[in-house]
PDB file of all heavy atoms in Angstrom:
ATOM      1  N   CYS A   1     -17.479  25.706  -3.860  1.00  0.00           N
ATOM      2  CA  CYS A   1     -16.354  26.483  -3.318  1.00  0.00           C
ATOM      3  C   CYS A   1     -15.702  25.777  -2.141  1.00  0.00           C
ATOM      4  O   CYS A   1     -14.472  25.732  -2.031  1.00  0.00           O
ATOM      5  CB  CYS A   1     -16.826  27.873  -2.890  1.00  0.00           C
ATOM      6  SG  CYS A   1     -17.183  28.950  -4.272  1.00  0.00           S
ATOM      7  N   ALA A   2     -16.505  25.197  -1.259  1.00  0.00           N
ATOM      8  CA  ALA A   2     -15.961  24.477  -0.105  1.00  0.00           C
ATOM      9  C   ALA A   2     -15.164  23.265  -0.549  1.00  0.00           C
ATOM     10  O   ALA A   2     -14.078  22.986  -0.017  1.00  0.00           O
ATOM     11  CB  ALA A   2     -17.093  24.067   0.838  1.00  0.00           C
ATOM     12  N   ALA A   3     -15.675  22.530  -1.525  1.00  0.00           N
ATOM     13  CA  ALA A   3     -14.969  21.348  -2.014  1.00  0.00           C
ATOM     14  C   ALA A   3     -13.626  21.719  -2.631  1.00  0.00           C
ATOM     15  O   ALA A   3     -12.614  21.052  -2.392  1.00  0.00           O
ATOM     16  CB  ALA A   3     -15.836  20.598  -3.024  1.00  0.00           C
ATOM     17  N   VAL A   4     -13.607  22.791  -3.410  1.00  0.00           N
ATOM     18  CA  VAL A   4     -12.353  23.231  -4.028  1.00  0.00           C
ATOM     19  C   VAL A   4     -11.367  23.664  -2.947  1.00  0.00           C
ATOM     20  O   VAL A   4     -10.185  23.295  -2.981  1.00  0.00           O
ATOM     21  CB  VAL A   4     -12.602  24.347  -5.060  1.00  0.00           C
ATOM     22  CG1 VAL A   4     -11.288  24.968  -5.517  1.00  0.00           C
ATOM     23  CG2 VAL A   4     -13.388  23.809  -6.252  1.00  0.00           C
ATOM     24  N   CYS A   5     -11.837  24.403  -1.968  1.00  0.00           N
ATOM     25  CA  CYS A   5     -10.975  24.854  -0.873  1.00  0.00           C
ATOM     26  C   CYS A   5     -10.408  23.656  -0.114  1.00  0.00           C
ATOM     27  O   CYS A   5      -9.213  23.606   0.193  1.00  0.00           O
ATOM     28  CB  CYS A   5     -11.754  25.779   0.056  1.00  0.00           C
ATOM     29  SG  CYS A   5     -10.738  26.616   1.279  1.00  0.00           S
ATOM     30  N   ALA A   6     -11.248  22.684   0.167  1.00  0.00           N
ATOM     31  CA  ALA A   6     -10.791  21.482   0.867  1.00  0.00           C
ATOM     32  C   ALA A   6      -9.785  20.712   0.010  1.00  0.00           C
ATOM     33  O   ALA A   6      -8.775  20.219   0.527  1.00  0.00           O
ATOM     34  CB  ALA A   6     -11.971  20.591   1.230  1.00  0.00           C
ATOM     35  N   ALA A   7     -10.050  20.604  -1.282  1.00  0.00           N
ATOM     36  CA  ALA A   7      -9.128  19.884  -2.175  1.00  0.00           C
ATOM     37  C   ALA A   7      -7.761  20.556  -2.199  1.00  0.00           C
ATOM     38  O   ALA A   7      -6.732  19.873  -2.207  1.00  0.00           O
ATOM     39  CB  ALA A   7      -9.713  19.821  -3.587  1.00  0.00           C
ATOM     40  N   LEU A   8      -7.747  21.875  -2.188  1.00  0.00           N
ATOM     41  CA  LEU A   8      -6.476  22.606  -2.215  1.00  0.00           C
ATOM     42  C   LEU A   8      -5.706  22.471  -0.907  1.00  0.00           C
ATOM     43  O   LEU A   8      -4.506  22.760  -0.855  1.00  0.00           O
ATOM     44  CB  LEU A   8      -6.725  24.080  -2.541  1.00  0.00           C
ATOM     45  CG  LEU A   8      -7.177  24.339  -3.978  1.00  0.00           C
ATOM     46  CD1 LEU A   8      -7.675  25.763  -4.140  1.00  0.00           C
ATOM     47  CD2 LEU A   8      -6.046  24.035  -4.956  1.00  0.00           C
ATOM     48  N   ASN A   9      -6.392  22.053   0.143  1.00  0.00           N
ATOM     49  CA  ASN A   9      -5.757  21.843   1.440  1.00  0.00           C
ATOM     50  C   ASN A   9      -5.528  20.367   1.751  1.00  0.00           C
ATOM     51  O   ASN A   9      -4.963  20.032   2.788  1.00  0.00           O
ATOM     52  CB  ASN A   9      -6.605  22.472   2.555  1.00  0.00           C
ATOM     53  CG  ASN A   9      -6.437  23.963   2.601  1.00  0.00           C
ATOM     54  OD1 ASN A   9      -5.445  24.462   3.097  1.00  0.00           O
ATOM     55  ND2 ASN A   9      -7.407  24.693   2.050  1.00  0.00           N
ATOM     56  N   GLY A  10      -5.994  19.482   0.874  1.00  0.00           N
ATOM     57  CA  GLY A  10      -5.923  18.048   1.140  1.00  0.00           C
ATOM     58  C   GLY A  10      -4.708  17.399   0.536  1.00  0.00           C
ATOM     59  O   GLY A  10      -3.947  18.010  -0.214  1.00  0.00           O
ATOM     60  N   PRO A  11      -4.540  16.132   0.868  1.00  0.00           N
ATOM     61  CA  PRO A  11      -3.406  15.385   0.312  1.00  0.00           C
ATOM     62  C   PRO A  11      -3.555  15.188  -1.199  1.00  0.00           C
ATOM     63  O   PRO A  11      -4.664  15.008  -1.699  1.00  0.00           O
ATOM     64  CB  PRO A  11      -3.474  14.027   1.029  1.00  0.00           C
ATOM     65  CG  PRO A  11      -4.507  14.158   2.097  1.00  0.00           C
ATOM     66  CD  PRO A  11      -5.343  15.350   1.783  1.00  0.00           C
ATOM     67  N   ALA A  12      -2.446  15.218  -1.894  1.00  0.00           N
ATOM     68  CA  ALA A  12      -2.452  14.970  -3.338  1.00  0.00           C
ATOM     69  C   ALA A  12      -3.023  13.580  -3.597  1.00  0.00           C
ATOM     70  O   ALA A  12      -2.835  12.657  -2.808  1.00  0.00           O
ATOM     71  CB  ALA A  12      -1.039  15.085  -3.891  1.00  0.00           C
ATOM     72  N   GLY A  13      -3.749  13.447  -4.686  1.00  0.00           N
ATOM     73  CA  GLY A  13      -4.301  12.159  -5.069  1.00  0.00           C
ATOM     74  C   GLY A  13      -5.624  11.820  -4.405  1.00  0.00           C
ATOM     75  O   GLY A  13      -6.117  10.711  -4.549  1.00  0.00           O
ATOM     76  N   THR A  14      -6.194  12.783  -3.662  1.00  0.00           N
ATOM     77  CA  THR A  14      -7.501  12.560  -3.038  1.00  0.00           C
ATOM     78  C   THR A  14      -8.514  13.534  -3.625  1.00  0.00           C
ATOM     79  O   THR A  14      -8.160  14.512  -4.282  1.00  0.00           O
ATOM     80  CB  THR A  14      -7.454  12.752  -1.507  1.00  0.00           C
ATOM     81  OG1 THR A  14      -7.107  14.103  -1.199  1.00  0.00           O
ATOM     82  CG2 THR A  14      -6.449  11.788  -0.867  1.00  0.00           C
ATOM     83  N   ALA A  15      -9.769  13.243  -3.379  1.00  0.00           N
ATOM     84  CA  ALA A  15     -10.859  14.103  -3.837  1.00  0.00           C
ATOM     85  C   ALA A  15     -11.706  14.487  -2.627  1.00  0.00           C
ATOM     86  O   ALA A  15     -11.813  13.725  -1.667  1.00  0.00           O
ATOM     87  CB  ALA A  15     -11.715  13.361  -4.864  1.00  0.00           C
ATOM     88  N   PRO A  16     -12.342  15.659  -2.668  1.00  0.00           N
ATOM     89  CA  PRO A  16     -13.163  16.088  -1.539  1.00  0.00           C
ATOM     90  C   PRO A  16     -14.534  15.426  -1.561  1.00  0.00           C
ATOM     91  O   PRO A  16     -15.105  15.188  -2.623  1.00  0.00           O
ATOM     92  CB  PRO A  16     -13.290  17.597  -1.761  1.00  0.00           C
ATOM     93  CG  PRO A  16     -13.190  17.759  -3.246  1.00  0.00           C
ATOM     94  CD  PRO A  16     -12.251  16.683  -3.704  1.00  0.00           C
ATOM     95  N   ALA A  17     -15.047  15.132  -0.373  1.00  0.00           N
ATOM     96  CA  ALA A  17     -16.407  14.600  -0.223  1.00  0.00           C
ATOM     97  C   ALA A  17     -17.043  15.299   0.969  1.00  0.00           C
ATOM     98  O   ALA A  17     -16.541  15.197   2.096  1.00  0.00           O
ATOM     99  CB  ALA A  17     -16.383  13.097  -0.012  1.00  0.00           C
ATOM    100  N   THR A  18     -18.126  16.015   0.722  1.00  0.00           N
ATOM    101  CA  THR A  18     -18.824  16.712   1.795  1.00  0.00           C
ATOM    102  C   THR A  18     -19.535  15.684   2.667  1.00  0.00           C
ATOM    103  O   THR A  18     -20.283  14.851   2.167  1.00  0.00           O
ATOM    104  CB  THR A  18     -19.850  17.710   1.218  1.00  0.00           C
ATOM    105  OG1 THR A  18     -19.160  18.630   0.366  1.00  0.00           O
ATOM    106  CG2 THR A  18     -20.574  18.465   2.313  1.00  0.00           C
ATOM    107  N   VAL A  19     -19.289  15.765   3.980  1.00  0.00           N
ATOM    108  CA  VAL A  19     -19.949  14.843   4.900  1.00  0.00           C
ATOM    109  C   VAL A  19     -20.967  15.546   5.789  1.00  0.00           C
ATOM    110  O   VAL A  19     -21.812  14.893   6.400  1.00  0.00           O
ATOM    111  CB  VAL A  19     -18.934  14.048   5.765  1.00  0.00           C
ATOM    112  CG1 VAL A  19     -18.095  13.146   4.883  1.00  0.00           C
ATOM    113  CG2 VAL A  19     -18.051  14.968   6.577  1.00  0.00           C
ATOM    114  N   GLU A  20     -20.898  16.870   5.859  1.00  0.00           N
ATOM    115  CA  GLU A  20     -21.875  17.633   6.639  1.00  0.00           C
ATOM    116  C   GLU A  20     -21.929  19.050   6.096  1.00  0.00           C
ATOM    117  O   GLU A  20     -20.906  19.618   5.714  1.00  0.00           O
ATOM    118  CB  GLU A  20     -21.460  17.671   8.111  1.00  0.00           C
ATOM    119  CG  GLU A  20     -22.453  18.359   9.010  1.00  0.00           C
ATOM    120  CD  GLU A  20     -22.013  18.312  10.469  1.00  0.00           C
ATOM    121  OE1 GLU A  20     -21.346  17.345  10.867  1.00  0.00           O
ATOM    122  OE2 GLU A  20     -22.339  19.272  11.190  1.00  0.00           O
ATOM    123  N   SER A  21     -23.129  19.615   6.054  1.00  0.00           N
ATOM    124  CA  SER A  21     -23.294  20.978   5.562  1.00  0.00           C
ATOM    125  C   SER A  21     -24.427  21.655   6.321  1.00  0.00           C
ATOM    126  O   SER A  21     -25.507  21.087   6.470  1.00  0.00           O
ATOM    127  CB  SER A  21     -23.599  20.968   4.058  1.00  0.00           C
ATOM    128  OG  SER A  21     -23.690  22.284   3.566  1.00  0.00           O
ATOM    129  N   THR A  22     -24.155  22.860   6.794  1.00  0.00           N
ATOM    130  CA  THR A  22     -25.166  23.661   7.482  1.00  0.00           C
ATOM    131  C   THR A  22     -25.258  25.005   6.780  1.00  0.00           C
ATOM    132  O   THR A  22     -24.244  25.678   6.582  1.00  0.00           O
ATOM    133  CB  THR A  22     -24.790  23.892   8.961  1.00  0.00           C
ATOM    134  OG1 THR A  22     -24.628  22.619   9.583  1.00  0.00           O
ATOM    135  CG2 THR A  22     -25.855  24.689   9.676  1.00  0.00           C
ATOM    136  N   THR A  23     -26.464  25.377   6.396  1.00  0.00           N
ATOM    137  CA  THR A  23     -26.683  26.637   5.684  1.00  0.00           C
ATOM    138  C   THR A  23     -27.612  27.532   6.486  1.00  0.00           C
ATOM    139  O   THR A  23     -28.655  27.089   6.944  1.00  0.00           O
ATOM    140  CB  THR A  23     -27.309  26.387   4.303  1.00  0.00           C
ATOM    141  OG1 THR A  23     -26.457  25.510   3.558  1.00  0.00           O
ATOM    142  CG2 THR A  23     -27.503  27.687   3.537  1.00  0.00           C
ATOM    143  N   HIS A  24     -27.206  28.782   6.627  1.00  0.00           N
ATOM    144  CA  HIS A  24     -28.064  29.802   7.228  1.00  0.00           C
ATOM    145  C   HIS A  24     -28.386  30.822   6.131  1.00  0.00           C
ATOM    146  O   HIS A  24     -27.480  31.501   5.640  1.00  0.00           O
ATOM    147  CB  HIS A  24     -27.368  30.494   8.403  1.00  0.00           C
ATOM    148  CG  HIS A  24     -27.080  29.568   9.529  1.00  0.00           C
ATOM    149  ND1 HIS A  24     -28.023  29.210  10.459  1.00  0.00           N
ATOM    150  CD2 HIS A  24     -25.955  28.897   9.863  1.00  0.00           C
ATOM    151  CE1 HIS A  24     -27.498  28.368  11.321  1.00  0.00           C
ATOM    152  NE2 HIS A  24     -26.242  28.159  10.977  1.00  0.00           N
TER     153      HIS A  24
END
């Protein structure tokens, strides 16, 4: 879900890559 959200907010022609994740 985070990757899709980031992709929808990112520049066209790029892909999302998670660089940090914190889970509670």
